[in-house]
Amino acid sequence: MRTGPVQRLVKINFELDPRDWHGSGSESLWASFVADEGGCKIFRLENSPFHAIGVSYGDIVAAKPTDNPILYEFKSVRTRSGHSTYMILVKAGHRVDSPEFRSHWDLLAQKGCSYESTHMTYPTGSRLLLSVDVPPSANLFSTYDVLQKGQQTSLWLFQEGYAHLPNR
């Protein structure tokens, strides 16, 4: 049972280049209100991006209101959460419950990684896209090695959304 006030989530809109591989002009992420700073509001991102580059789960961001009361336009990152984000495009014919996928994913899960998933339609067909959250406690270099091995075995393609390196 929940106790205390219920936090209303809003969407933060990120402008994207529709000429990029995903073809999307924007992506919106869930966020919770943190503070009011003049013309901007400050939010905490509550999920990981599938396409937006440069942000991760838990980052504190500034955003401007729009005409829609639950939609805000991203302006800047104020504070990094320490999380990193990678996007995985699972190759056709592979599923997250297949033994080959599990053998690679389990190595990431042991590091504390989690993912959100969606299906994207491309000219070549529907593909599974994962937004992978890498917590601050994970060794980013060994995590990257696992991602590379999955790509080298033709299990997936991956892209770095944001890598949080200490003192960066």
Protein backbone atom coordinates (compact mmCIF):
# COMPACT_ATOMS: atom_id res chain seq x y z
CA MET A 1 0.00 0.00 0.00
CA ARG A 2 1.23 3.52 -0.87
CA THR A 3 1.70 6.09 1.82
CA GLY A 4 2.29 9.81 1.45
CA PRO A 5 1.45 12.10 -1.45
CA VAL A 6 1.17 10.67 -4.96
CA GLN A 7 3.77 12.15 -7.33
CA ARG A 8 2.30 13.22 -10.68
CA LEU A 9 4.59 12.38 -13.55
CA VAL A 10 5.02 14.56 -16.62
CA LYS A 11 6.70 14.00 -19.98
CA ILE A 12 9.93 15.69 -21.02
CA ASN A 13 10.21 16.01 -24.81
CA PHE A 14 13.61 15.62 -26.48
CA GLU A 15 14.09 16.87 -30.06
CA LEU A 16 15.77 14.26 -32.28
CA ASP A 17 17.13 14.23 -35.82
CA PRO A 18 14.60 12.29 -37.92
CA ARG A 19 17.42 11.48 -40.38
CA ASP A 20 19.08 9.36 -37.68
CA TRP A 21 18.73 5.53 -37.86
CA HIS A 22 15.50 5.48 -35.81
CA GLY A 23 13.66 8.03 -38.00
CA SER A 24 12.02 9.72 -34.98
CA GLY A 25 11.73 13.50 -34.65
CA SER A 26 11.27 13.40 -30.89
CA GLU A 27 11.11 11.19 -27.82
CA SER A 28 9.47 11.89 -24.49
CA LEU A 29 10.55 10.49 -21.12
CA TRP A 30 8.67 10.30 -17.84
CA ALA A 31 9.85 12.69 -15.14
CA SER A 32 8.97 13.77 -11.60
CA PHE A 33 8.98 17.37 -10.39
CA VAL A 34 11.95 18.48 -8.27
CA ALA A 35 11.93 22.30 -8.16
CA ASP A 36 10.88 25.53 -9.82
CA GLU A 37 13.66 27.81 -11.08
CA GLY A 38 12.32 30.97 -12.68
CA GLY A 39 11.16 30.18 -16.23
CA CYS A 40 12.31 26.55 -16.02
CA LYS A 41 11.14 23.64 -13.97
CA ILE A 42 13.54 20.99 -12.68
CA PHE A 43 12.68 17.30 -13.03
CA ARG A 44 14.17 13.86 -12.35
CA LEU A 45 14.02 11.45 -15.32
CA GLU A 46 12.11 8.33 -14.32
CA ASN A 47 12.93 6.10 -17.29
CA SER A 48 15.69 5.51 -19.83
CA PRO A 49 15.65 6.79 -23.41
CA PHE A 50 15.38 4.61 -26.50
CA HIS A 51 16.74 7.28 -28.86
CA ALA A 52 17.70 10.48 -27.01
CA ILE A 53 21.44 10.83 -26.52
CA GLY A 54 23.17 12.42 -23.54
CA VAL A 55 20.72 11.60 -20.73
CA SER A 56 20.12 8.67 -18.40
CA TYR A 57 17.66 7.43 -15.81
CA GLY A 58 17.70 9.59 -12.68
CA ASP A 59 19.36 12.62 -14.27
CA ILE A 60 18.10 15.98 -13.02
CA VAL A 61 17.07 18.12 -15.99
CA ALA A 62 15.70 21.60 -16.69
CA ALA A 63 12.68 21.90 -18.98
CA LYS A 64 10.34 24.63 -20.22
CA PRO A 65 6.55 24.30 -20.15
CA THR A 66 4.53 23.89 -23.35
CA ASP A 67 0.85 24.47 -24.12
CA ASN A 68 0.21 20.92 -22.88
CA PRO A 69 0.23 20.92 -19.03
CA ILE A 70 1.94 17.52 -18.79
CA LEU A 71 4.54 18.08 -21.56
CA TYR A 72 7.79 20.03 -21.13
CA GLU A 73 10.65 20.76 -23.58
CA PHE A 74 14.10 19.57 -22.49
CA LYS A 75 16.65 22.38 -22.03
CA SER A 76 19.67 20.95 -20.18
CA VAL A 77 21.03 18.39 -17.75
CA ARG A 78 21.56 19.94 -14.32
CA THR A 79 22.93 16.98 -12.36
CA ARG A 80 24.07 13.54 -13.53
CA SER A 81 22.66 10.52 -11.73
CA GLY A 82 25.72 8.37 -12.35
CA HIS A 83 23.69 5.99 -14.55
CA SER A 84 24.69 5.16 -18.12
CA THR A 85 22.43 4.25 -21.05
CA TYR A 86 22.93 1.93 -24.00
CA MET A 87 20.48 1.09 -26.75
CA ILE A 88 20.40 -2.50 -28.06
CA LEU A 89 18.72 -3.39 -31.35
CA VAL A 90 18.17 -7.16 -31.19
CA LYS A 91 18.93 -8.87 -34.50
CA ALA A 92 16.03 -10.46 -36.37
CA GLY A 93 15.28 -13.99 -35.25
CA HIS A 94 16.50 -13.47 -31.67
CA ARG A 95 14.25 -13.13 -28.63
CA VAL A 96 14.98 -12.07 -25.06
CA ASP A 97 13.97 -15.52 -23.81
CA SER A 98 16.31 -17.41 -26.18
CA PRO A 99 19.25 -19.23 -24.55
CA GLU A 100 21.77 -17.27 -26.65
CA PHE A 101 20.30 -13.92 -25.59
CA ARG A 102 19.98 -15.00 -21.95
CA SER A 103 23.64 -16.09 -21.82
CA HIS A 104 24.73 -12.55 -22.74
CA TRP A 105 22.01 -10.65 -20.91
CA ASP A 106 22.56 -12.55 -17.65
CA LEU A 107 26.11 -11.14 -17.55
CA LEU A 108 24.65 -7.62 -17.75
CA ALA A 109 21.94 -8.39 -15.18
CA GLN A 110 24.64 -9.58 -12.75
CA LYS A 111 26.10 -6.07 -13.00
CA GLY A 112 22.73 -4.59 -12.02
CA CYS A 113 21.67 -3.61 -15.55
CA SER A 114 17.99 -3.51 -16.44
CA TYR A 115 16.09 -2.69 -19.61
CA GLU A 116 12.87 -1.38 -21.07
CA SER A 117 11.78 -2.76 -24.43
CA THR A 118 9.72 -1.74 -27.43
CA HIS A 119 9.16 -3.08 -30.94
CA MET A 120 10.19 -0.79 -33.80
CA THR A 121 9.10 -1.23 -37.40
CA TYR A 122 11.76 -0.72 -40.04
CA PRO A 123 11.71 -1.34 -43.81
CA THR A 124 13.29 -4.74 -43.05
CA GLY A 125 10.59 -5.65 -40.51
CA SER A 126 9.83 -5.37 -36.81
CA ARG A 127 12.77 -5.43 -34.41
CA LEU A 128 13.09 -5.43 -30.64
CA LEU A 129 14.78 -2.33 -29.20
CA LEU A 130 16.07 -2.26 -25.63
CA SER A 131 16.98 0.78 -23.56
CA VAL A 132 19.58 -0.52 -21.11
CA ASP A 133 20.15 1.22 -17.77
CA VAL A 134 23.61 0.69 -16.29
CA PRO A 135 23.69 1.64 -12.58
CA PRO A 136 26.57 3.64 -11.08
CA SER A 137 27.73 0.51 -9.19
CA ALA A 138 28.47 -1.40 -12.42
CA ASN A 139 31.95 -1.46 -13.92
CA LEU A 140 31.31 0.43 -17.15
CA PHE A 141 34.30 -1.05 -18.98
CA SER A 142 33.35 -4.69 -18.34
CA THR A 143 29.73 -3.82 -19.17
CA TYR A 144 30.88 -2.40 -22.50
CA ASP A 145 32.86 -5.60 -23.15
CA VAL A 146 29.68 -7.69 -22.74
CA LEU A 147 27.81 -5.37 -25.12
CA GLN A 148 30.61 -5.73 -27.68
CA LYS A 149 30.58 -9.53 -27.39
CA GLY A 150 26.84 -9.57 -28.07
CA GLN A 151 27.43 -7.50 -31.18
CA GLN A 152 30.40 -9.62 -32.31
CA THR A 153 28.25 -12.77 -32.12
CA SER A 154 25.57 -11.06 -34.28
CA LEU A 155 23.06 -11.15 -31.44
CA TRP A 156 22.49 -7.39 -31.41
CA LEU A 157 23.72 -3.98 -32.48
CA PHE A 158 24.29 -1.45 -29.73
CA GLN A 159 24.75 2.27 -29.37
CA GLU A 160 25.95 4.37 -26.46
CA GLY A 161 23.33 6.84 -25.28
CA TYR A 162 25.35 8.23 -22.41
CA ALA A 163 28.35 6.77 -20.58
CA HIS A 164 28.91 8.19 -17.11
CA LEU A 165 32.62 8.18 -16.46
CA PRO A 166 33.82 9.42 -13.06
CA ASN A 167 35.09 13.02 -13.15
CA ARG A 168 33.43 13.61 -16.52
